[in-house]
Amino acid sequence: MASRLWKALVVLVLWAWGALRPRRRARARRREVDPSRRDAGSPAWVERTLLGLLAAIPLSCAAFAVLYILDPNTQLLGLALGAALALLAAALILAGKRLLPQETKVEERPIPGDRQAVDEVLEQAHAATDGITRRGLLLGAAGAAGAGLTAAVAVPVVALGPGIEDQLSRTPWHAGRALVDEQGAPLAAAAIREGSFVTAFPEGADKENLDAPVVLVRVDPASLRASSERAGWAPMGILAYSKICTHAACAISLYRAPLSPSTQSRGPALVCPCHYSTFDVLDSGRVEFGPAGRPLPQLPLSIDAQGTLRAAGPLSGPVGPSWWGDAR
């Protein structure tokens, strides 16, 4: 992706470098410019360089937005946004030093009817007409640069609002997707027994994806303390939770299942062996103990006519620790 962006930037700069040549040649054919006034304006390289800088800004901002959505790497995001700001600073410095007038003059008041003064005004009017296209091109490039910077700032801000997790989520879980084991064989609901601990994956998805693995446990349906919103998420008492701990993205590999319930024993729970975060499976994956900051995302389940377990919808929340800051 980076190579494509660089190629596009090079093509745009080369185009900007030669875009004004045909127009300048056409103007030279239309009228002869006084040699004493050829250097009155800004040099050609200033305009071309400024146009190239302004054109590169929206490309850097577009790269920032694409990286934020596809691969939110902090270093790459900082490089893309930093490049856009550096290009903007260079464009402003160049315009201030070379493009804008830097001389101070005292306006002379010509005598009314002075033919020489009238000719000078007409010549200045013609020069202003010749520069309209050039100014329009520079203003358009400046507008595109401003729009690109605005978009680069808006993408992270929008991410703070509701619903962005659903828009950017890349989870492979969705309603109707079958649950399979490590060999890719469909998992039957009857094969999940109380006290067992089974790792499942979405059928056909990449098992290396952190959103993919879930753990299956089975409990007595009467013991569930789930909210009304999650009623029906655990058919036959079978529960599915993300296998990735919400503390530091470790893999949950322990299941506490008391053999005989009593007033002194704790209920069934999933445990991360790295930092001992413990999640109550009977209460929607609530954190019972340890440093985890939020519950385990739960996967709603259904059972099809063949007795195979299937997802009834997406995970209840983003996978992994909260400090990741994106919906993985």
C-alpha atoms as a PDB file:
ATOM      1  CA  MET A   1       0.000   0.000   0.000  1.00  0.00           C
ATOM      2  CA  ALA A   2       2.835   2.384   0.871  1.00  0.00           C
ATOM      3  CA  SER A   3       4.525   1.782  -2.494  1.00  0.00           C
ATOM      4  CA  ARG A   4       1.298   2.616  -4.344  1.00  0.00           C
ATOM      5  CA  LEU A   5       0.908   5.874  -2.411  1.00  0.00           C
ATOM      6  CA  TRP A   6       4.490   6.873  -3.180  1.00  0.00           C
ATOM      7  CA  LYS A   7       3.999   6.083  -6.903  1.00  0.00           C
ATOM      8  CA  ALA A   8       0.829   8.181  -6.974  1.00  0.00           C
ATOM      9  CA  LEU A   9       2.644  11.052  -5.247  1.00  0.00           C
ATOM     10  CA  VAL A  10       5.536  10.944  -7.753  1.00  0.00           C
ATOM     11  CA  VAL A  11       3.134  10.943 -10.714  1.00  0.00           C
ATOM     12  CA  LEU A  12       1.203  13.899  -9.272  1.00  0.00           C
ATOM     13  CA  VAL A  13       4.363  15.932  -8.626  1.00  0.00           C
ATOM     14  CA  LEU A  14       5.661  15.250 -12.141  1.00  0.00           C
ATOM     15  CA  TRP A  15       2.307  16.261 -13.581  1.00  0.00           C
ATOM     16  CA  ALA A  16       2.271  19.461 -11.552  1.00  0.00           C
ATOM     17  CA  TRP A  17       5.819  20.260 -12.690  1.00  0.00           C
ATOM     18  CA  GLY A  18       4.849  20.224 -16.373  1.00  0.00           C
ATOM     19  CA  ALA A  19       1.197  21.233 -16.148  1.00  0.00           C
ATOM     20  CA  LEU A  20       1.848  24.952 -16.509  1.00  0.00           C
ATOM     21  CA  ARG A  21       4.266  24.729 -19.459  1.00  0.00           C
ATOM     22  CA  PRO A  22       1.663  24.517 -22.264  1.00  0.00           C
ATOM     23  CA  ARG A  23      -0.275  27.428 -20.816  1.00  0.00           C
ATOM     24  CA  ARG A  24       2.814  29.555 -20.506  1.00  0.00           C
ATOM     25  CA  ARG A  25       3.746  28.814 -24.132  1.00  0.00           C
ATOM     26  CA  ALA A  26       0.233  29.743 -25.271  1.00  0.00           C
ATOM     27  CA  ARG A  27       0.385  33.056 -23.430  1.00  0.00           C
ATOM     28  CA  ALA A  28       3.807  33.764 -24.909  1.00  0.00           C
ATOM     29  CA  ARG A  29       2.352  33.290 -28.393  1.00  0.00           C
ATOM     30  CA  ARG A  30      -0.618  35.587 -27.673  1.00  0.00           C
ATOM     31  CA  ARG A  31       1.409  38.564 -26.540  1.00  0.00           C
ATOM     32  CA  GLU A  32       4.967  39.674 -25.996  1.00  0.00           C
ATOM     33  CA  VAL A  33       5.842  40.407 -22.392  1.00  0.00           C
ATOM     34  CA  ASP A  34       8.114  43.273 -21.580  1.00  0.00           C
ATOM     35  CA  PRO A  35      11.531  41.750 -20.672  1.00  0.00           C
ATOM     36  CA  SER A  36      11.874  44.214 -17.820  1.00  0.00           C
ATOM     37  CA  ARG A  37       8.753  42.698 -16.144  1.00  0.00           C
ATOM     38  CA  ARG A  38       9.441  38.991 -16.591  1.00  0.00           C
ATOM     39  CA  ASP A  39      11.037  38.647 -13.190  1.00  0.00           C
ATOM     40  CA  ALA A  40       8.426  40.790 -11.445  1.00  0.00           C
ATOM     41  CA  GLY A  41       6.346  37.781 -10.453  1.00  0.00           C
ATOM     42  CA  SER A  42       7.349  34.636  -8.578  1.00  0.00           C
ATOM     43  CA  PRO A  43       9.709  32.166 -10.307  1.00  0.00           C
ATOM     44  CA  ALA A  44       8.058  29.195 -12.016  1.00  0.00           C
ATOM     45  CA  TRP A  45       9.697  26.663  -9.698  1.00  0.00           C
ATOM     46  CA  VAL A  46       8.026  28.283  -6.679  1.00  0.00           C
ATOM     47  CA  GLU A  47       4.535  27.706  -8.046  1.00  0.00           C
ATOM     48  CA  ARG A  48       5.312  24.159  -9.138  1.00  0.00           C
ATOM     49  CA  THR A  49       6.893  23.231  -5.834  1.00  0.00           C
ATOM     50  CA  LEU A  50       4.013  24.802  -3.901  1.00  0.00           C
ATOM     51  CA  LEU A  51       1.479  22.907  -5.996  1.00  0.00           C
ATOM     52  CA  GLY A  52       3.354  19.656  -5.409  1.00  0.00           C
ATOM     53  CA  LEU A  53       3.460  20.219  -1.647  1.00  0.00           C
ATOM     54  CA  LEU A  54      -0.252  21.032  -1.469  1.00  0.00           C
ATOM     55  CA  ALA A  55      -1.138  18.038  -3.635  1.00  0.00           C
ATOM     56  CA  ALA A  56       0.874  15.691  -1.408  1.00  0.00           C
ATOM     57  CA  ILE A  57      -0.990  16.738   1.756  1.00  0.00           C
ATOM     58  CA  PRO A  58      -4.337  15.035   0.921  1.00  0.00           C
ATOM     59  CA  LEU A  59      -2.411  11.903  -0.122  1.00  0.00           C
ATOM     60  CA  SER A  60      -0.738  11.735   3.291  1.00  0.00           C
ATOM     61  CA  CYS A  61      -4.086  12.327   4.982  1.00  0.00           C
ATOM     62  CA  ALA A  62      -5.711   9.616   2.877  1.00  0.00           C
ATOM     63  CA  ALA A  63      -2.917   7.248   3.895  1.00  0.00           C
ATOM     64  CA  PHE A  64      -3.615   8.143   7.551  1.00  0.00           C
ATOM     65  CA  ALA A  65      -7.324   7.332   7.175  1.00  0.00           C
ATOM     66  CA  VAL A  66      -6.657   4.054   5.337  1.00  0.00           C
ATOM     67  CA  LEU A  67      -4.087   2.935   7.912  1.00  0.00           C
ATOM     68  CA  TYR A  68      -6.426   3.874  10.766  1.00  0.00           C
ATOM     69  CA  ILE A  69      -9.103   1.561   9.359  1.00  0.00           C
ATOM     70  CA  LEU A  70      -7.015  -1.317   7.979  1.00  0.00           C
ATOM     71  CA  ASP A  71      -3.869  -1.411  10.141  1.00  0.00           C
ATOM     72  CA  PRO A  72      -3.912   1.064  13.072  1.00  0.00           C
ATOM     73  CA  ASN A  73      -0.167   0.948  13.717  1.00  0.00           C
ATOM     74  CA  THR A  74       0.840   3.867  15.938  1.00  0.00           C
ATOM     75  CA  GLN A  75       4.172   4.472  14.205  1.00  0.00           C
ATOM     76  CA  LEU A  76       2.673   4.449  10.703  1.00  0.00           C
ATOM     77  CA  LEU A  77      -0.209   6.703  11.771  1.00  0.00           C
ATOM     78  CA  GLY A  78       2.219   9.188  13.297  1.00  0.00           C
ATOM     79  CA  LEU A  79       4.391   9.095  10.178  1.00  0.00           C
ATOM     80  CA  ALA A  80       1.441   9.745   7.848  1.00  0.00           C
ATOM     81  CA  LEU A  81      -0.028  12.598   9.886  1.00  0.00           C
ATOM     82  CA  GLY A  82       3.411  14.064  10.605  1.00  0.00           C
ATOM     83  CA  ALA A  83       4.206  14.051   6.886  1.00  0.00           C
ATOM     84  CA  ALA A  84       0.961  15.915   6.141  1.00  0.00           C
ATOM     85  CA  LEU A  85       1.724  18.582   8.762  1.00  0.00           C
ATOM     86  CA  ALA A  86       5.342  18.901   7.578  1.00  0.00           C
ATOM     87  CA  LEU A  87       4.178  19.353   3.986  1.00  0.00           C
ATOM     88  CA  LEU A  88       1.684  21.999   5.113  1.00  0.00           C
ATOM     89  CA  ALA A  89       4.400  23.858   7.028  1.00  0.00           C
ATOM     90  CA  ALA A  90       6.739  23.730   4.026  1.00  0.00           C
ATOM     91  CA  ALA A  91       3.984  25.035   1.733  1.00  0.00           C
ATOM     92  CA  LEU A  92       3.187  27.947   4.066  1.00  0.00           C
ATOM     93  CA  ILE A  93       6.855  28.874   4.431  1.00  0.00           C
ATOM     94  CA  LEU A  94       7.436  28.734   0.683  1.00  0.00           C
ATOM     95  CA  ALA A  95       4.320  30.788  -0.061  1.00  0.00           C
ATOM     96  CA  GLY A  96       5.230  33.382   2.551  1.00  0.00           C
ATOM     97  CA  LYS A  97       8.845  33.710   1.441  1.00  0.00           C
ATOM     98  CA  ARG A  98       8.563  33.429  -2.331  1.00  0.00           C
ATOM     99  CA  LEU A  99       4.976  33.785  -3.541  1.00  0.00           C
ATOM    100  CA  LEU A 100       3.594  36.716  -1.545  1.00  0.00           C
ATOM    101  CA  PRO A 101       4.894  40.251  -2.280  1.00  0.00           C
ATOM    102  CA  GLN A 102       7.765  41.222   0.016  1.00  0.00           C
ATOM    103  CA  GLU A 103       8.310  44.839  -1.004  1.00  0.00           C
ATOM    104  CA  THR A 104       6.785  48.039   0.282  1.00  0.00           C
ATOM    105  CA  LYS A 105       6.015  50.831  -2.151  1.00  0.00           C
ATOM    106  CA  VAL A 106       4.513  54.287  -1.887  1.00  0.00           C
ATOM    107  CA  GLU A 107       1.643  54.593  -4.305  1.00  0.00           C
ATOM    108  CA  GLU A 108       2.096  57.377  -6.773  1.00  0.00           C
ATOM    109  CA  ARG A 109      -0.910  59.478  -7.680  1.00  0.00           C
ATOM    110  CA  PRO A 110      -0.843  60.063 -11.431  1.00  0.00           C
ATOM    111  CA  ILE A 111      -2.312  63.165 -13.031  1.00  0.00           C
ATOM    112  CA  PRO A 112      -5.840  62.461 -14.351  1.00  0.00           C
ATOM    113  CA  GLY A 113      -5.713  61.714 -18.041  1.00  0.00           C
ATOM    114  CA  ASP A 114      -2.029  60.660 -18.011  1.00  0.00           C
ATOM    115  CA  ARG A 115      -1.745  58.253 -20.935  1.00  0.00           C
ATOM    116  CA  GLN A 116       1.224  56.426 -19.464  1.00  0.00           C
ATOM    117  CA  ALA A 117      -0.661  55.730 -16.224  1.00  0.00           C
ATOM    118  CA  VAL A 118      -3.661  54.428 -18.175  1.00  0.00           C
ATOM    119  CA  ASP A 119      -1.404  52.069 -20.149  1.00  0.00           C
ATOM    120  CA  GLU A 120       0.147  50.762 -16.942  1.00  0.00           C
ATOM    121  CA  VAL A 121      -3.284  50.050 -15.469  1.00  0.00           C
ATOM    122  CA  LEU A 122      -4.354  48.207 -18.605  1.00  0.00           C
ATOM    123  CA  GLU A 123      -1.162  46.162 -18.572  1.00  0.00           C
ATOM    124  CA  GLN A 124      -1.708  45.236 -14.925  1.00  0.00           C
ATOM    125  CA  ALA A 125      -5.285  44.228 -15.727  1.00  0.00           C
ATOM    126  CA  HIS A 126      -4.072  41.950 -18.526  1.00  0.00           C
ATOM    127  CA  ALA A 127      -1.483  40.403 -16.208  1.00  0.00           C
ATOM    128  CA  ALA A 128      -4.163  39.734 -13.598  1.00  0.00           C
ATOM    129  CA  THR A 129      -6.314  38.023 -16.225  1.00  0.00           C
ATOM    130  CA  ASP A 130      -3.426  35.759 -17.235  1.00  0.00           C
ATOM    131  CA  GLY A 131      -2.930  34.670 -13.615  1.00  0.00           C
ATOM    132  CA  ILE A 132      -6.510  33.579 -12.936  1.00  0.00           C
ATOM    133  CA  THR A 133      -5.971  29.951 -13.993  1.00  0.00           C
ATOM    134  CA  ARG A 134      -2.766  29.694 -12.026  1.00  0.00           C
ATOM    135  CA  ARG A 135      -4.348  31.112  -8.891  1.00  0.00           C
ATOM    136  CA  GLY A 136      -7.320  28.822  -9.286  1.00  0.00           C
ATOM    137  CA  LEU A 137      -5.033  25.817  -9.473  1.00  0.00           C
ATOM    138  CA  LEU A 138      -3.144  26.846  -6.353  1.00  0.00           C
ATOM    139  CA  LEU A 139      -6.343  27.633  -4.463  1.00  0.00           C
ATOM    140  CA  GLY A 140      -7.825  24.288  -5.486  1.00  0.00           C
ATOM    141  CA  ALA A 141      -4.734  22.466  -4.246  1.00  0.00           C
ATOM    142  CA  ALA A 142      -4.895  24.417  -0.972  1.00  0.00           C
ATOM    143  CA  GLY A 143      -8.547  23.460  -0.592  1.00  0.00           C
ATOM    144  CA  ALA A 144      -7.751  19.787  -1.176  1.00  0.00           C
ATOM    145  CA  ALA A 145      -4.968  19.980   1.414  1.00  0.00           C
ATOM    146  CA  GLY A 146      -7.333  21.517   3.958  1.00  0.00           C
ATOM    147  CA  ALA A 147      -9.981  18.906   3.259  1.00  0.00           C
ATOM    148  CA  GLY A 148      -7.431  16.133   3.676  1.00  0.00           C
ATOM    149  CA  LEU A 149      -6.258  17.468   7.030  1.00  0.00           C
ATOM    150  CA  THR A 150      -9.853  17.827   8.181  1.00  0.00           C
ATOM    151  CA  ALA A 151     -10.583  14.218   7.217  1.00  0.00           C
ATOM    152  CA  ALA A 152      -7.446  12.986   9.003  1.00  0.00           C
ATOM    153  CA  VAL A 153      -8.592  14.698  12.201  1.00  0.00           C
ATOM    154  CA  ALA A 154     -12.214  13.610  11.773  1.00  0.00           C
ATOM    155  CA  VAL A 155     -11.532   9.857  11.455  1.00  0.00           C
ATOM    156  CA  PRO A 156     -10.216   9.399  15.041  1.00  0.00           C
ATOM    157  CA  VAL A 157     -12.873  11.767  16.392  1.00  0.00           C
ATOM    158  CA  VAL A 158     -15.650   9.753  14.750  1.00  0.00           C
ATOM    159  CA  ALA A 159     -14.153   6.636  16.317  1.00  0.00           C
ATOM    160  CA  LEU A 160     -15.159   8.032  19.713  1.00  0.00           C
ATOM    161  CA  GLY A 161     -18.822   8.016  18.781  1.00  0.00           C
ATOM    162  CA  PRO A 162     -21.372   5.199  19.055  1.00  0.00           C
ATOM    163  CA  GLY A 163     -21.569   2.549  16.397  1.00  0.00           C
ATOM    164  CA  ILE A 164     -17.996   2.852  15.099  1.00  0.00           C
ATOM    165  CA  GLU A 165     -17.064  -0.538  16.502  1.00  0.00           C
ATOM    166  CA  ASP A 166     -19.716  -2.191  14.348  1.00  0.00           C
ATOM    167  CA  GLN A 167     -18.518  -0.259  11.310  1.00  0.00           C
ATOM    168  CA  LEU A 168     -14.836  -1.098  11.693  1.00  0.00           C
ATOM    169  CA  SER A 169     -15.158  -4.537  13.253  1.00  0.00           C
ATOM    170  CA  ARG A 170     -13.435  -7.346  11.413  1.00  0.00           C
ATOM    171  CA  THR A 171     -14.765 -10.154  13.569  1.00  0.00           C
ATOM    172  CA  PRO A 172     -15.516 -13.340  11.624  1.00  0.00           C
ATOM    173  CA  TRP A 173     -18.544 -14.119  13.766  1.00  0.00           C
ATOM    174  CA  HIS A 174     -22.013 -13.492  12.376  1.00  0.00           C
ATOM    175  CA  ALA A 175     -25.427 -15.105  12.596  1.00  0.00           C
ATOM    176  CA  GLY A 176     -25.562 -18.562  11.051  1.00  0.00           C
ATOM    177  CA  ARG A 177     -21.831 -19.318  11.068  1.00  0.00           C
ATOM    178  CA  ALA A 178     -21.095 -22.832  12.307  1.00  0.00           C
ATOM    179  CA  LEU A 179     -18.723 -23.570  15.174  1.00  0.00           C
ATOM    180  CA  VAL A 180     -15.932 -26.049  14.352  1.00  0.00           C
ATOM    181  CA  ASP A 181     -13.054 -27.656  16.245  1.00  0.00           C
ATOM    182  CA  GLU A 182      -9.343 -27.317  15.481  1.00  0.00           C
ATOM    183  CA  GLN A 183      -9.644 -29.857  12.649  1.00  0.00           C
ATOM    184  CA  GLY A 184     -12.543 -27.963  11.079  1.00  0.00           C
ATOM    185  CA  ALA A 185     -15.220 -30.504  12.041  1.00  0.00           C
ATOM    186  CA  PRO A 186     -18.618 -29.043  13.052  1.00  0.00           C
ATOM    187  CA  LEU A 187     -19.350 -29.153  16.769  1.00  0.00           C
ATOM    188  CA  ALA A 188     -22.578 -30.822  17.860  1.00  0.00           C
ATOM    189  CA  ALA A 189     -24.416 -29.447  20.856  1.00  0.00           C
ATOM    190  CA  ALA A 190     -24.692 -32.962  22.318  1.00  0.00           C
ATOM    191  CA  ALA A 191     -20.881 -33.232  22.368  1.00  0.00           C
ATOM    192  CA  ILE A 192     -20.537 -30.361  24.859  1.00  0.00           C
ATOM    193  CA  ARG A 193     -20.969 -31.836  28.343  1.00  0.00           C
ATOM    194  CA  GLU A 194     -21.066 -30.171  31.742  1.00  0.00           C
ATOM    195  CA  GLY A 195     -17.599 -29.664  33.172  1.00  0.00           C
ATOM    196  CA  SER A 196     -15.938 -29.785  29.752  1.00  0.00           C
ATOM    197  CA  PHE A 197     -13.851 -27.003  28.194  1.00  0.00           C
ATOM    198  CA  VAL A 198     -13.865 -26.843  24.379  1.00  0.00           C
ATOM    199  CA  THR A 199     -12.168 -24.368  22.050  1.00  0.00           C
ATOM    200  CA  ALA A 200     -14.168 -23.542  18.917  1.00  0.00           C
ATOM    201  CA  PHE A 201     -13.582 -21.490  15.760  1.00  0.00           C
ATOM    202  CA  PRO A 202     -15.815 -19.952  13.066  1.00  0.00           C
ATOM    203  CA  GLU A 203     -16.141 -22.231  10.076  1.00  0.00           C
ATOM    204  CA  GLY A 204     -13.866 -21.210   7.197  1.00  0.00           C
ATOM    205  CA  ALA A 205     -12.156 -18.359   9.062  1.00  0.00           C
ATOM    206  CA  ASP A 206      -8.481 -17.879   9.857  1.00  0.00           C
ATOM    207  CA  LYS A 207      -7.828 -19.547  13.203  1.00  0.00           C
ATOM    208  CA  GLU A 208      -4.899 -17.188  13.860  1.00  0.00           C
ATOM    209  CA  ASN A 209      -7.251 -14.207  14.009  1.00  0.00           C
ATOM    210  CA  LEU A 210      -7.646 -13.062  17.620  1.00  0.00           C
ATOM    211  CA  ASP A 211     -11.367 -12.628  17.031  1.00  0.00           C
ATOM    212  CA  ALA A 212     -11.747 -16.261  16.016  1.00  0.00           C
ATOM    213  CA  PRO A 213     -11.336 -18.561  19.058  1.00  0.00           C
ATOM    214  CA  VAL A 214     -14.094 -18.949  21.614  1.00  0.00           C
ATOM    215  CA  VAL A 215     -14.406 -21.321  24.563  1.00  0.00           C
ATOM    216  CA  LEU A 216     -17.494 -23.467  25.081  1.00  0.00           C
ATOM    217  CA  VAL A 217     -18.751 -24.599  28.468  1.00  0.00           C
ATOM    218  CA  ARG A 218     -22.016 -26.150  29.550  1.00  0.00           C
ATOM    219  CA  VAL A 219     -23.895 -25.441  32.769  1.00  0.00           C
ATOM    220  CA  ASP A 220     -27.292 -26.044  34.223  1.00  0.00           C
ATOM    221  CA  PRO A 221     -29.615 -23.576  32.419  1.00  0.00           C
ATOM    222  CA  ALA A 222     -31.433 -22.900  35.708  1.00  0.00           C
ATOM    223  CA  SER A 223     -28.217 -21.517  37.241  1.00  0.00           C
ATOM    224  CA  LEU A 224     -27.741 -18.756  34.636  1.00  0.00           C
ATOM    225  CA  ARG A 225     -27.961 -15.156  35.836  1.00  0.00           C
ATOM    226  CA  ALA A 226     -27.889 -13.490  32.427  1.00  0.00           C
ATOM    227  CA  SER A 227     -29.857 -10.346  31.645  1.00  0.00           C
ATOM    228  CA  SER A 228     -33.090 -10.393  29.665  1.00  0.00           C
ATOM    229  CA  GLU A 229     -31.195  -9.087  26.625  1.00  0.00           C
ATOM    230  CA  ARG A 230     -29.165 -12.286  26.558  1.00  0.00           C
ATOM    231  CA  ALA A 231     -32.023 -14.648  27.088  1.00  0.00           C
ATOM    232  CA  GLY A 232     -31.677 -17.477  24.587  1.00  0.00           C
ATOM    233  CA  TRP A 233     -27.943 -16.963  24.052  1.00  0.00           C
ATOM    234  CA  ALA A 234     -27.137 -20.264  25.791  1.00  0.00           C
ATOM    235  CA  PRO A 235     -29.301 -23.076  24.355  1.00  0.00           C
ATOM    236  CA  MET A 236     -29.171 -26.244  26.495  1.00  0.00           C
ATOM    237  CA  GLY A 237     -26.956 -24.271  28.914  1.00  0.00           C
ATOM    238  CA  ILE A 238     -24.085 -24.059  26.398  1.00  0.00           C
ATOM    239  CA  LEU A 239     -22.149 -20.780  26.660  1.00  0.00           C
ATOM    240  CA  ALA A 240     -19.525 -19.327  24.313  1.00  0.00           C
ATOM    241  CA  TYR A 241     -17.036 -16.630  25.337  1.00  0.00           C
ATOM    242  CA  SER A 242     -14.015 -15.102  23.625  1.00  0.00           C
ATOM    243  CA  LYS A 243     -10.818 -16.984  24.419  1.00  0.00           C
ATOM    244  CA  ILE A 244      -8.792 -13.746  24.567  1.00  0.00           C
ATOM    245  CA  CYS A 245      -8.518 -12.182  28.025  1.00  0.00           C
ATOM    246  CA  THR A 246      -9.616  -8.557  28.284  1.00  0.00           C
ATOM    247  CA  HIS A 247      -6.620  -7.680  30.452  1.00  0.00           C
ATOM    248  CA  ALA A 248      -3.538  -8.319  28.275  1.00  0.00           C
ATOM    249  CA  ALA A 249      -4.800 -10.473  25.383  1.00  0.00           C
ATOM    250  CA  CYS A 250      -3.574 -13.717  26.905  1.00  0.00           C
ATOM    251  CA  ALA A 251      -5.325 -16.973  26.012  1.00  0.00           C
ATOM    252  CA  ILE A 252      -7.803 -18.249  28.565  1.00  0.00           C
ATOM    253  CA  SER A 253      -7.020 -21.917  29.162  1.00  0.00           C
ATOM    254  CA  LEU A 254      -8.450 -22.786  32.582  1.00  0.00           C
ATOM    255  CA  TYR A 255     -12.025 -23.591  33.575  1.00  0.00           C
ATOM    256  CA  ARG A 256     -13.143 -23.803  37.175  1.00  0.00           C
ATOM    257  CA  ALA A 257     -16.104 -26.166  37.431  1.00  0.00           C
ATOM    258  CA  PRO A 258     -17.008 -27.247  40.994  1.00  0.00           C
ATOM    259  CA  LEU A 259     -18.055 -30.888  41.196  1.00  0.00           C
ATOM    260  CA  SER A 260     -20.540 -30.311  43.996  1.00  0.00           C
ATOM    261  CA  PRO A 261     -22.151 -26.895  44.510  1.00  0.00           C
ATOM    262  CA  SER A 262     -22.258 -25.646  48.083  1.00  0.00           C
ATOM    263  CA  THR A 263     -22.513 -22.376  49.939  1.00  0.00           C
ATOM    264  CA  GLN A 264     -18.712 -22.221  50.332  1.00  0.00           C
ATOM    265  CA  SER A 265     -17.673 -23.065  46.759  1.00  0.00           C
ATOM    266  CA  ARG A 266     -17.606 -20.577  43.958  1.00  0.00           C
ATOM    267  CA  GLY A 267     -19.490 -21.142  40.731  1.00  0.00           C
ATOM    268  CA  PRO A 268     -18.025 -22.091  37.346  1.00  0.00           C
ATOM    269  CA  ALA A 269     -15.638 -19.519  35.870  1.00  0.00           C
ATOM    270  CA  LEU A 270     -13.055 -19.063  33.132  1.00  0.00           C
ATOM    271  CA  VAL A 271      -9.551 -18.229  34.338  1.00  0.00           C
ATOM    272  CA  CYS A 272      -6.584 -16.658  32.556  1.00  0.00           C
ATOM    273  CA  PRO A 273      -3.401 -18.375  33.879  1.00  0.00           C
ATOM    274  CA  CYS A 274      -1.147 -15.386  33.137  1.00  0.00           C
ATOM    275  CA  HIS A 275      -2.547 -12.817  35.586  1.00  0.00           C
ATOM    276  CA  TYR A 276      -5.421 -14.815  37.076  1.00  0.00           C
ATOM    277  CA  SER A 277      -8.285 -12.751  35.781  1.00  0.00           C
ATOM    278  CA  THR A 278     -11.432 -14.743  36.504  1.00  0.00           C
ATOM    279  CA  PHE A 279     -14.720 -14.416  34.632  1.00  0.00           C
ATOM    280  CA  ASP A 280     -18.113 -15.621  35.864  1.00  0.00           C
ATOM    281  CA  VAL A 281     -19.703 -17.687  33.068  1.00  0.00           C
ATOM    282  CA  LEU A 282     -23.108 -17.645  34.765  1.00  0.00           C
ATOM    283  CA  ASP A 283     -23.246 -13.821  34.798  1.00  0.00           C
ATOM    284  CA  SER A 284     -22.387 -12.780  31.214  1.00  0.00           C
ATOM    285  CA  GLY A 285     -18.614 -13.136  31.664  1.00  0.00           C
ATOM    286  CA  ARG A 286     -18.437 -10.600  34.496  1.00  0.00           C
ATOM    287  CA  VAL A 287     -14.984 -10.035  36.024  1.00  0.00           C
ATOM    288  CA  GLU A 288     -14.936 -11.889  39.325  1.00  0.00           C
ATOM    289  CA  PHE A 289     -11.271 -11.478  40.206  1.00  0.00           C
ATOM    290  CA  GLY A 290      -8.025 -10.103  38.765  1.00  0.00           C
ATOM    291  CA  PRO A 291      -6.841  -7.079  36.769  1.00  0.00           C
ATOM    292  CA  ALA A 292      -9.178  -7.409  33.742  1.00  0.00           C
ATOM    293  CA  GLY A 293     -11.152  -4.223  33.218  1.00  0.00           C
ATOM    294  CA  ARG A 294     -14.294  -5.531  31.491  1.00  0.00           C
ATOM    295  CA  PRO A 295     -16.260  -8.760  30.940  1.00  0.00           C
ATOM    296  CA  LEU A 296     -15.418 -11.349  28.330  1.00  0.00           C
ATOM    297  CA  PRO A 297     -17.311 -10.813  25.062  1.00  0.00           C
ATOM    298  CA  GLN A 298     -20.039 -13.437  24.739  1.00  0.00           C
ATOM    299  CA  LEU A 299     -21.120 -15.125  21.509  1.00  0.00           C
ATOM    300  CA  PRO A 300     -24.861 -15.855  21.225  1.00  0.00           C
ATOM    301  CA  LEU A 301     -25.495 -19.444  20.133  1.00  0.00           C
ATOM    302  CA  SER A 302     -28.191 -21.385  18.325  1.00  0.00           C
ATOM    303  CA  ILE A 303     -28.646 -25.025  17.370  1.00  0.00           C
ATOM    304  CA  ASP A 304     -29.710 -25.970  13.843  1.00  0.00           C
ATOM    305  CA  ALA A 305     -31.897 -28.890  12.764  1.00  0.00           C
ATOM    306  CA  GLN A 306     -28.865 -31.201  12.585  1.00  0.00           C
ATOM    307  CA  GLY A 307     -27.866 -30.394  16.175  1.00  0.00           C
ATOM    308  CA  THR A 308     -24.840 -28.300  15.109  1.00  0.00           C
ATOM    309  CA  LEU A 309     -23.870 -25.241  17.104  1.00  0.00           C
ATOM    310  CA  ARG A 310     -24.049 -21.966  15.181  1.00  0.00           C
ATOM    311  CA  ALA A 311     -23.526 -18.332  16.026  1.00  0.00           C
ATOM    312  CA  ALA A 312     -26.743 -16.379  16.518  1.00  0.00           C
ATOM    313  CA  GLY A 313     -25.013 -13.040  16.019  1.00  0.00           C
ATOM    314  CA  PRO A 314     -21.687 -11.244  16.537  1.00  0.00           C
ATOM    315  CA  LEU A 315     -19.704 -11.092  19.764  1.00  0.00           C
ATOM    316  CA  SER A 316     -21.178  -8.824  22.421  1.00  0.00           C
ATOM    317  CA  GLY A 317     -18.134  -6.538  22.393  1.00  0.00           C
ATOM    318  CA  PRO A 318     -14.635  -5.988  20.971  1.00  0.00           C
ATOM    319  CA  VAL A 319     -12.089  -8.702  21.638  1.00  0.00           C
ATOM    320  CA  GLY A 320      -9.028  -8.097  23.796  1.00  0.00           C
ATOM    321  CA  PRO A 321      -7.985  -5.387  26.245  1.00  0.00           C
ATOM    322  CA  SER A 322      -9.599  -1.960  26.263  1.00  0.00           C
ATOM    323  CA  TRP A 323      -6.307  -0.157  25.710  1.00  0.00           C
ATOM    324  CA  TRP A 324      -6.124  -1.523  22.162  1.00  0.00           C
ATOM    325  CA  GLY A 325      -8.519   1.327  21.354  1.00  0.00           C
ATOM    326  CA  ASP A 326     -10.067  -0.264  18.243  1.00  0.00           C
ATOM    327  CA  ALA A 327     -12.687  -2.885  17.434  1.00  0.00           C
ATOM    328  CA  ARG A 328     -10.638  -5.956  16.661  1.00  0.00           C
END
